[in-house]
Amino acid sequence: NYYINKYKINEIFSSDIYPYMEIHHFKKNEHICLSGEELKYLYLFVEGKSKVYITTPNGKSLLVRFYSPVQIVGEIELLNKIEFQCNI
């Protein structure tokens, strides 16, 4: 309920989906998802900061953006049933 109240998630999602919501914790430098993976969840980023980047064919990393609270992650991939294009 802490994040629901803090970020007014009840204004974004109906209470019908609350039973399907889970809190996932990630350690510093742990990937949330990798390019080419199928997304299993729609993430609502509520704490911390995360780097979104792509890896070029020659192995270099290119920064796309940063995620910070409150940010929805994966909606395009889930709705279009496509693999994730970036690393987070």
PDB file of N, CA and C in Angstrom:
ATOM      1  N   ASN A   1       0.803  -1.208   0.000  1.00  0.00           N
ATOM      2  CA  ASN A   1       0.000   0.000   0.000  1.00  0.00           C
ATOM      3  C   ASN A   1       0.844   1.270   0.000  1.00  0.00           C
ATOM      4  N   TYR A   2       2.096   1.153   0.465  1.00  0.00           N
ATOM      5  CA  TYR A   2       2.970   2.322   0.529  1.00  0.00           C
ATOM      6  C   TYR A   2       3.113   2.984  -0.845  1.00  0.00           C
ATOM      7  N   TYR A   3       3.491   2.201  -1.874  1.00  0.00           N
ATOM      8  CA  TYR A   3       3.696   2.768  -3.206  1.00  0.00           C
ATOM      9  C   TYR A   3       2.372   3.160  -3.863  1.00  0.00           C
ATOM     10  N   ILE A   4       1.323   2.423  -3.571  1.00  0.00           N
ATOM     11  CA  ILE A   4       0.000   2.774  -4.104  1.00  0.00           C
ATOM     12  C   ILE A   4      -0.390   4.164  -3.631  1.00  0.00           C
ATOM     13  N   ASN A   5      -0.161   4.442  -2.360  1.00  0.00           N
ATOM     14  CA  ASN A   5      -0.486   5.761  -1.809  1.00  0.00           C
ATOM     15  C   ASN A   5       0.510   6.828  -2.242  1.00  0.00           C
ATOM     16  N   LYS A   6       1.804   6.512  -2.180  1.00  0.00           N
ATOM     17  CA  LYS A   6       2.840   7.496  -2.491  1.00  0.00           C
ATOM     18  C   LYS A   6       2.723   8.023  -3.923  1.00  0.00           C
ATOM     19  N   TYR A   7       2.496   7.108  -4.872  1.00  0.00           N
ATOM     20  CA  TYR A   7       2.464   7.504  -6.281  1.00  0.00           C
ATOM     21  C   TYR A   7       1.053   7.540  -6.864  1.00  0.00           C
ATOM     22  N   LYS A   8       0.046   7.439  -5.996  1.00  0.00           N
ATOM     23  CA  LYS A   8      -1.358   7.498  -6.422  1.00  0.00           C
ATOM     24  C   LYS A   8      -1.644   6.499  -7.547  1.00  0.00           C
ATOM     25  N   ILE A   9      -1.121   5.289  -7.362  1.00  0.00           N
ATOM     26  CA  ILE A   9      -1.292   4.235  -8.353  1.00  0.00           C
ATOM     27  C   ILE A   9      -2.770   3.912  -8.550  1.00  0.00           C
ATOM     28  N   ASN A  10      -3.561   4.141  -7.520  1.00  0.00           N
ATOM     29  CA  ASN A  10      -5.003   3.908  -7.642  1.00  0.00           C
ATOM     30  C   ASN A  10      -5.640   4.823  -8.688  1.00  0.00           C
ATOM     31  N   GLU A  11      -4.957   5.908  -9.064  1.00  0.00           N
ATOM     32  CA  GLU A  11      -5.459   6.785 -10.119  1.00  0.00           C
ATOM     33  C   GLU A  11      -5.022   6.305 -11.503  1.00  0.00           C
ATOM     34  N   ILE A  12      -4.022   5.412 -11.534  1.00  0.00           N
ATOM     35  CA  ILE A  12      -3.510   4.880 -12.796  1.00  0.00           C
ATOM     36  C   ILE A  12      -4.183   3.549 -13.127  1.00  0.00           C
ATOM     37  N   PHE A  13      -4.278   2.677 -12.125  1.00  0.00           N
ATOM     38  CA  PHE A  13      -4.831   1.332 -12.311  1.00  0.00           C
ATOM     39  C   PHE A  13      -6.038   1.142 -11.406  1.00  0.00           C
ATOM     40  N   SER A  14      -6.972   0.325 -11.852  1.00  0.00           N
ATOM     41  CA  SER A  14      -8.132   0.021 -11.008  1.00  0.00           C
ATOM     42  C   SER A  14      -7.744  -1.013  -9.959  1.00  0.00           C
ATOM     43  N   SER A  15      -8.486  -1.064  -8.890  1.00  0.00           N
ATOM     44  CA  SER A  15      -8.181  -1.987  -7.795  1.00  0.00           C
ATOM     45  C   SER A  15      -8.359  -3.444  -8.207  1.00  0.00           C
ATOM     46  N   ASP A  16      -8.990  -3.707  -9.345  1.00  0.00           N
ATOM     47  CA  ASP A  16      -9.164  -5.079  -9.836  1.00  0.00           C
ATOM     48  C   ASP A  16      -7.826  -5.776 -10.065  1.00  0.00           C
ATOM     49  N   ILE A  17      -6.799  -5.002 -10.426  1.00  0.00           N
ATOM     50  CA  ILE A  17      -5.522  -5.640 -10.740  1.00  0.00           C
ATOM     51  C   ILE A  17      -4.576  -5.728  -9.546  1.00  0.00           C
ATOM     52  N   TYR A  18      -4.929  -5.162  -8.424  1.00  0.00           N
ATOM     53  CA  TYR A  18      -4.051  -5.213  -7.252  1.00  0.00           C
ATOM     54  C   TYR A  18      -3.615  -6.629  -6.897  1.00  0.00           C
ATOM     55  N   PRO A  19      -4.494  -7.633  -6.980  1.00  0.00           N
ATOM     56  CA  PRO A  19      -4.045  -8.993  -6.659  1.00  0.00           C
ATOM     57  C   PRO A  19      -2.943  -9.509  -7.591  1.00  0.00           C
ATOM     58  N   TYR A  20      -2.811  -8.906  -8.764  1.00  0.00           N
ATOM     59  CA  TYR A  20      -1.806  -9.339  -9.732  1.00  0.00           C
ATOM     60  C   TYR A  20      -0.520  -8.524  -9.645  1.00  0.00           C
ATOM     61  N   MET A  21      -0.502  -7.523  -8.802  1.00  0.00           N
ATOM     62  CA  MET A  21       0.678  -6.672  -8.658  1.00  0.00           C
ATOM     63  C   MET A  21       1.652  -7.294  -7.665  1.00  0.00           C
ATOM     64  N   GLU A  22       2.931  -7.187  -7.986  1.00  0.00           N
ATOM     65  CA  GLU A  22       3.991  -7.687  -7.114  1.00  0.00           C
ATOM     66  C   GLU A  22       5.072  -6.627  -7.007  1.00  0.00           C
ATOM     67  N   ILE A  23       5.779  -6.639  -5.905  1.00  0.00           N
ATOM     68  CA  ILE A  23       6.950  -5.778  -5.761  1.00  0.00           C
ATOM     69  C   ILE A  23       8.176  -6.618  -6.092  1.00  0.00           C
ATOM     70  N   HIS A  24       8.981  -6.123  -7.021  1.00  0.00           N
ATOM     71  CA  HIS A  24      10.232  -6.779  -7.381  1.00  0.00           C
ATOM     72  C   HIS A  24      11.373  -5.863  -6.963  1.00  0.00           C
ATOM     73  N   HIS A  25      12.328  -6.411  -6.257  1.00  0.00           N
ATOM     74  CA  HIS A  25      13.504  -5.650  -5.837  1.00  0.00           C
ATOM     75  C   HIS A  25      14.687  -6.075  -6.702  1.00  0.00           C
ATOM     76  N   PHE A  26      15.469  -5.115  -7.121  1.00  0.00           N
ATOM     77  CA  PHE A  26      16.659  -5.392  -7.910  1.00  0.00           C
ATOM     78  C   PHE A  26      17.851  -4.772  -7.207  1.00  0.00           C
ATOM     79  N   LYS A  27      18.948  -5.509  -7.209  1.00  0.00           N
ATOM     80  CA  LYS A  27      20.180  -5.006  -6.603  1.00  0.00           C
ATOM     81  C   LYS A  27      20.833  -4.013  -7.558  1.00  0.00           C
ATOM     82  N   LYS A  28      21.700  -3.185  -7.006  1.00  0.00           N
ATOM     83  CA  LYS A  28      22.448  -2.231  -7.817  1.00  0.00           C
ATOM     84  C   LYS A  28      23.221  -3.004  -8.888  1.00  0.00           C
ATOM     85  N   ASN A  29      23.177  -2.525 -10.119  1.00  0.00           N
ATOM     86  CA  ASN A  29      23.832  -3.109 -11.293  1.00  0.00           C
ATOM     87  C   ASN A  29      23.200  -4.413 -11.775  1.00  0.00           C
ATOM     88  N   GLU A  30      22.092  -4.838 -11.180  1.00  0.00           N
ATOM     89  CA  GLU A  30      21.375  -6.018 -11.657  1.00  0.00           C
ATOM     90  C   GLU A  30      20.449  -5.591 -12.796  1.00  0.00           C
ATOM     91  N   HIS A  31      20.411  -6.383 -13.852  1.00  0.00           N
ATOM     92  CA  HIS A  31      19.538  -6.067 -14.980  1.00  0.00           C
ATOM     93  C   HIS A  31      18.082  -6.360 -14.644  1.00  0.00           C
ATOM     94  N   ILE A  32      17.222  -5.477 -15.063  1.00  0.00           N
ATOM     95  CA  ILE A  32      15.780  -5.700 -14.970  1.00  0.00           C
ATOM     96  C   ILE A  32      15.352  -6.527 -16.172  1.00  0.00           C
ATOM     97  N   CYS A  33      15.864  -6.175 -17.338  1.00  0.00           N
ATOM     98  CA  CYS A  33      15.634  -6.973 -18.544  1.00  0.00           C
ATOM     99  C   CYS A  33      16.751  -6.689 -19.541  1.00  0.00           C
ATOM    100  N   LEU A  34      16.939  -7.633 -20.445  1.00  0.00           N
ATOM    101  CA  LEU A  34      17.990  -7.534 -21.445  1.00  0.00           C
ATOM    102  C   LEU A  34      17.391  -7.509 -22.846  1.00  0.00           C
ATOM    103  N   SER A  35      18.091  -6.877 -23.748  1.00  0.00           N
ATOM    104  CA  SER A  35      17.670  -6.826 -25.139  1.00  0.00           C
ATOM    105  C   SER A  35      17.472  -8.244 -25.666  1.00  0.00           C
ATOM    106  N   GLY A  36      16.375  -8.450 -26.379  1.00  0.00           N
ATOM    107  CA  GLY A  36      16.087  -9.763 -26.949  1.00  0.00           C
ATOM    108  C   GLY A  36      15.243 -10.654 -26.066  1.00  0.00           C
ATOM    109  N   GLU A  37      15.077 -10.273 -24.807  1.00  0.00           N
ATOM    110  CA  GLU A  37      14.254 -11.064 -23.895  1.00  0.00           C
ATOM    111  C   GLU A  37      12.780 -10.730 -24.078  1.00  0.00           C
ATOM    112  N   GLU A  38      11.956 -11.726 -23.812  1.00  0.00           N
ATOM    113  CA  GLU A  38      10.518 -11.497 -23.778  1.00  0.00           C
ATOM    114  C   GLU A  38      10.180 -10.942 -22.405  1.00  0.00           C
ATOM    115  N   LEU A  39       9.441  -9.864 -22.381  1.00  0.00           N
ATOM    116  CA  LEU A  39       9.072  -9.250 -21.107  1.00  0.00           C
ATOM    117  C   LEU A  39       7.979 -10.067 -20.438  1.00  0.00           C
ATOM    118  N   LYS A  40       8.170 -10.368 -19.172  1.00  0.00           N
ATOM    119  CA  LYS A  40       7.207 -11.178 -18.431  1.00  0.00           C
ATOM    120  C   LYS A  40       6.268 -10.320 -17.599  1.00  0.00           C
ATOM    121  N   TYR A  41       6.628  -9.075 -17.385  1.00  0.00           N
ATOM    122  CA  TYR A  41       5.852  -8.189 -16.524  1.00  0.00           C
ATOM    123  C   TYR A  41       5.762  -6.807 -17.146  1.00  0.00           C
ATOM    124  N   LEU A  42       4.761  -6.082 -16.732  1.00  0.00           N
ATOM    125  CA  LEU A  42       4.705  -4.647 -16.957  1.00  0.00           C
ATOM    126  C   LEU A  42       5.252  -4.044 -15.674  1.00  0.00           C
ATOM    127  N   TYR A  43       6.353  -3.343 -15.768  1.00  0.00           N
ATOM    128  CA  TYR A  43       6.990  -2.792 -14.577  1.00  0.00           C
ATOM    129  C   TYR A  43       6.551  -1.354 -14.340  1.00  0.00           C
ATOM    130  N   LEU A  44       6.363  -1.037 -13.100  1.00  0.00           N
ATOM    131  CA  LEU A  44       6.136   0.334 -12.670  1.00  0.00           C
ATOM    132  C   LEU A  44       7.322   0.677 -11.784  1.00  0.00           C
ATOM    133  N   PHE A  45       8.215   1.476 -12.314  1.00  0.00           N
ATOM    134  CA  PHE A  45       9.463   1.801 -11.638  1.00  0.00           C
ATOM    135  C   PHE A  45       9.163   2.825 -10.551  1.00  0.00           C
ATOM    136  N   VAL A  46       9.347   2.439  -9.274  1.00  0.00           N
ATOM    137  CA  VAL A  46       8.921   3.307  -8.173  1.00  0.00           C
ATOM    138  C   VAL A  46      10.045   3.776  -7.254  1.00  0.00           C
ATOM    139  N   GLU A  47      11.243   3.244  -7.429  1.00  0.00           N
ATOM    140  CA  GLU A  47      12.317   3.659  -6.528  1.00  0.00           C
ATOM    141  C   GLU A  47      13.664   3.468  -7.205  1.00  0.00           C
ATOM    142  N   GLY A  48      14.564   4.403  -6.981  1.00  0.00           N
ATOM    143  CA  GLY A  48      15.912   4.290  -7.524  1.00  0.00           C
ATOM    144  C   GLY A  48      16.049   4.936  -8.887  1.00  0.00           C
ATOM    145  N   LYS A  49      17.089   4.519  -9.591  1.00  0.00           N
ATOM    146  CA  LYS A  49      17.400   5.058 -10.904  1.00  0.00           C
ATOM    147  C   LYS A  49      17.951   3.910 -11.733  1.00  0.00           C
ATOM    148  N   SER A  50      17.603   3.858 -13.002  1.00  0.00           N
ATOM    149  CA  SER A  50      18.076   2.782 -13.856  1.00  0.00           C
ATOM    150  C   SER A  50      18.493   3.333 -15.211  1.00  0.00           C
ATOM    151  N   LYS A  51      19.539   2.747 -15.752  1.00  0.00           N
ATOM    152  CA  LYS A  51      20.070   3.163 -17.040  1.00  0.00           C
ATOM    153  C   LYS A  51      19.474   2.283 -18.139  1.00  0.00           C
ATOM    154  N   VAL A  52      19.003   2.892 -19.206  1.00  0.00           N
ATOM    155  CA  VAL A  52      18.496   2.177 -20.374  1.00  0.00           C
ATOM    156  C   VAL A  52      19.540   2.366 -21.471  1.00  0.00           C
ATOM    157  N   TYR A  53      20.045   1.247 -22.012  1.00  0.00           N
ATOM    158  CA  TYR A  53      21.105   1.358 -23.009  1.00  0.00           C
ATOM    159  C   TYR A  53      21.015   0.225 -24.025  1.00  0.00           C
ATOM    160  N   ILE A  54      21.655   0.432 -25.157  1.00  0.00           N
ATOM    161  CA  ILE A  54      21.782  -0.622 -26.160  1.00  0.00           C
ATOM    162  C   ILE A  54      23.262  -0.940 -26.305  1.00  0.00           C
ATOM    163  N   THR A  55      23.538  -2.147 -26.744  1.00  0.00           N
ATOM    164  CA  THR A  55      24.913  -2.558 -27.007  1.00  0.00           C
ATOM    165  C   THR A  55      25.071  -2.670 -28.516  1.00  0.00           C
ATOM    166  N   THR A  56      26.049  -1.971 -29.063  1.00  0.00           N
ATOM    167  CA  THR A  56      26.278  -1.981 -30.503  1.00  0.00           C
ATOM    168  C   THR A  56      26.968  -3.285 -30.906  1.00  0.00           C
ATOM    169  N   PRO A  57      26.955  -3.613 -32.203  1.00  0.00           N
ATOM    170  CA  PRO A  57      27.616  -4.845 -32.659  1.00  0.00           C
ATOM    171  C   PRO A  57      29.102  -4.917 -32.304  1.00  0.00           C
ATOM    172  N   ASN A  58      29.757  -3.754 -32.143  1.00  0.00           N
ATOM    173  CA  ASN A  58      31.177  -3.771 -31.780  1.00  0.00           C
ATOM    174  C   ASN A  58      31.390  -3.801 -30.267  1.00  0.00           C
ATOM    175  N   GLY A  59      30.292  -3.952 -29.498  1.00  0.00           N
ATOM    176  CA  GLY A  59      30.404  -4.129 -28.053  1.00  0.00           C
ATOM    177  C   GLY A  59      30.306  -2.866 -27.217  1.00  0.00           C
ATOM    178  N   LYS A  60      30.155  -1.721 -27.850  1.00  0.00           N
ATOM    179  CA  LYS A  60      30.039  -0.479 -27.087  1.00  0.00           C
ATOM    180  C   LYS A  60      28.609  -0.287 -26.591  1.00  0.00           C
ATOM    181  N   SER A  61      28.487   0.360 -25.453  1.00  0.00           N
ATOM    182  CA  SER A  61      27.171   0.664 -24.885  1.00  0.00           C
ATOM    183  C   SER A  61      26.794   2.100 -25.213  1.00  0.00           C
ATOM    184  N   LEU A  62      25.559   2.281 -25.678  1.00  0.00           N
ATOM    185  CA  LEU A  62      25.046   3.614 -25.967  1.00  0.00           C
ATOM    186  C   LEU A  62      23.874   3.897 -25.040  1.00  0.00           C
ATOM    187  N   LEU A  63      23.991   4.964 -24.271  1.00  0.00           N
ATOM    188  CA  LEU A  63      22.946   5.347 -23.335  1.00  0.00           C
ATOM    189  C   LEU A  63      21.732   5.871 -24.096  1.00  0.00           C
ATOM    190  N   VAL A  64      20.567   5.327 -23.769  1.00  0.00           N
ATOM    191  CA  VAL A  64      19.318   5.768 -24.391  1.00  0.00           C
ATOM    192  C   VAL A  64      18.621   6.777 -23.489  1.00  0.00           C
ATOM    193  N   ARG A  65      18.537   6.438 -22.205  1.00  0.00           N
ATOM    194  CA  ARG A  65      17.886   7.316 -21.226  1.00  0.00           C
ATOM    195  C   ARG A  65      18.064   6.744 -19.835  1.00  0.00           C
ATOM    196  N   PHE A  66      17.572   7.470 -18.848  1.00  0.00           N
ATOM    197  CA  PHE A  66      17.496   6.984 -17.473  1.00  0.00           C
ATOM    198  C   PHE A  66      16.035   6.855 -17.090  1.00  0.00           C
ATOM    199  N   TYR A  67      15.731   5.860 -16.267  1.00  0.00           N
ATOM    200  CA  TYR A  67      14.409   5.737 -15.659  1.00  0.00           C
ATOM    201  C   TYR A  67      14.516   6.158 -14.209  1.00  0.00           C
ATOM    202  N   SER A  68      13.538   6.918 -13.765  1.00  0.00           N
ATOM    203  CA  SER A  68      13.428   7.277 -12.354  1.00  0.00           C
ATOM    204  C   SER A  68      11.938   7.266 -12.016  1.00  0.00           C
ATOM    205  N   PRO A  69      11.604   7.257 -10.750  1.00  0.00           N
ATOM    206  CA  PRO A  69      10.197   7.143 -10.355  1.00  0.00           C
ATOM    207  C   PRO A  69       9.379   8.334 -10.866  1.00  0.00           C
ATOM    208  N   VAL A  70       8.217   8.126 -11.206  1.00  0.00           N
ATOM    209  CA  VAL A  70       7.462   6.923 -11.444  1.00  0.00           C
ATOM    210  C   VAL A  70       7.425   6.721 -12.953  1.00  0.00           C
ATOM    211  N   GLN A  71       7.781   5.534 -13.427  1.00  0.00           N
ATOM    212  CA  GLN A  71       7.931   5.276 -14.857  1.00  0.00           C
ATOM    213  C   GLN A  71       7.373   3.894 -15.175  1.00  0.00           C
ATOM    214  N   ILE A  72       6.546   3.801 -16.196  1.00  0.00           N
ATOM    215  CA  ILE A  72       6.052   2.502 -16.657  1.00  0.00           C
ATOM    216  C   ILE A  72       7.057   1.951 -17.657  1.00  0.00           C
ATOM    217  N   VAL A  73       7.409   0.681 -17.497  1.00  0.00           N
ATOM    218  CA  VAL A  73       8.410   0.030 -18.342  1.00  0.00           C
ATOM    219  C   VAL A  73       7.799  -1.218 -18.973  1.00  0.00           C
ATOM    220  N   GLY A  74       7.866  -1.314 -20.286  1.00  0.00           N
ATOM    221  CA  GLY A  74       7.473  -2.533 -20.977  1.00  0.00           C
ATOM    222  C   GLY A  74       6.104  -2.533 -21.609  1.00  0.00           C
ATOM    223  N   GLU A  75       5.390  -1.423 -21.554  1.00  0.00           N
ATOM    224  CA  GLU A  75       4.032  -1.417 -22.102  1.00  0.00           C
ATOM    225  C   GLU A  75       4.015  -1.652 -23.608  1.00  0.00           C
ATOM    226  N   ILE A  76       4.963  -1.077 -24.329  1.00  0.00           N
ATOM    227  CA  ILE A  76       4.999  -1.246 -25.786  1.00  0.00           C
ATOM    228  C   ILE A  76       5.304  -2.694 -26.145  1.00  0.00           C
ATOM    229  N   GLU A  77       6.272  -3.279 -25.448  1.00  0.00           N
ATOM    230  CA  GLU A  77       6.656  -4.662 -25.720  1.00  0.00           C
ATOM    231  C   GLU A  77       5.517  -5.635 -25.413  1.00  0.00           C
ATOM    232  N   LEU A  78       4.850  -5.434 -24.291  1.00  0.00           N
ATOM    233  CA  LEU A  78       3.749  -6.329 -23.926  1.00  0.00           C
ATOM    234  C   LEU A  78       2.562  -6.187 -24.872  1.00  0.00           C
ATOM    235  N   LEU A  79       2.191  -4.974 -25.198  1.00  0.00           N
ATOM    236  CA  LEU A  79       1.041  -4.759 -26.077  1.00  0.00           C
ATOM    237  C   LEU A  79       1.298  -5.247 -27.499  1.00  0.00           C
ATOM    238  N   ASN A  80       2.529  -5.102 -27.966  1.00  0.00           N
ATOM    239  CA  ASN A  80       2.874  -5.517 -29.328  1.00  0.00           C
ATOM    240  C   ASN A  80       3.468  -6.920 -29.399  1.00  0.00           C
ATOM    241  N   LYS A  81       3.634  -7.556 -28.235  1.00  0.00           N
ATOM    242  CA  LYS A  81       4.195  -8.914 -28.145  1.00  0.00           C
ATOM    243  C   LYS A  81       5.536  -9.012 -28.866  1.00  0.00           C
ATOM    244  N   ILE A  82       6.418  -8.061 -28.543  1.00  0.00           N
ATOM    245  CA  ILE A  82       7.758  -8.052 -29.126  1.00  0.00           C
ATOM    246  C   ILE A  82       8.796  -8.169 -28.018  1.00  0.00           C
ATOM    247  N   GLU A  83      10.000  -8.568 -28.413  1.00  0.00           N
ATOM    248  CA  GLU A  83      11.094  -8.665 -27.451  1.00  0.00           C
ATOM    249  C   GLU A  83      11.563  -7.270 -27.072  1.00  0.00           C
ATOM    250  N   PHE A  84      12.154  -7.181 -25.902  1.00  0.00           N
ATOM    251  CA  PHE A  84      12.673  -5.902 -25.439  1.00  0.00           C
ATOM    252  C   PHE A  84      13.862  -5.498 -26.300  1.00  0.00           C
ATOM    253  N   GLN A  85      13.958  -4.234 -26.657  1.00  0.00           N
ATOM    254  CA  GLN A  85      14.985  -3.746 -27.570  1.00  0.00           C
ATOM    255  C   GLN A  85      16.207  -3.160 -26.875  1.00  0.00           C
ATOM    256  N   CYS A  86      16.097  -2.879 -25.587  1.00  0.00           N
ATOM    257  CA  CYS A  86      17.187  -2.258 -24.831  1.00  0.00           C
ATOM    258  C   CYS A  86      17.506  -3.090 -23.601  1.00  0.00           C
ATOM    259  N   ASN A  87      18.581  -2.729 -22.951  1.00  0.00           N
ATOM    260  CA  ASN A  87      18.949  -3.302 -21.661  1.00  0.00           C
ATOM    261  C   ASN A  87      18.577  -2.296 -20.581  1.00  0.00           C
ATOM    262  N   ILE A  88      18.038  -2.797 -19.497  1.00  0.00           N
ATOM    263  CA  ILE A  88      17.744  -1.930 -18.353  1.00  0.00           C
ATOM    264  C   ILE A  88      18.403  -2.551 -17.144  1.00  0.00           C
TER     265      ILE A  88
END
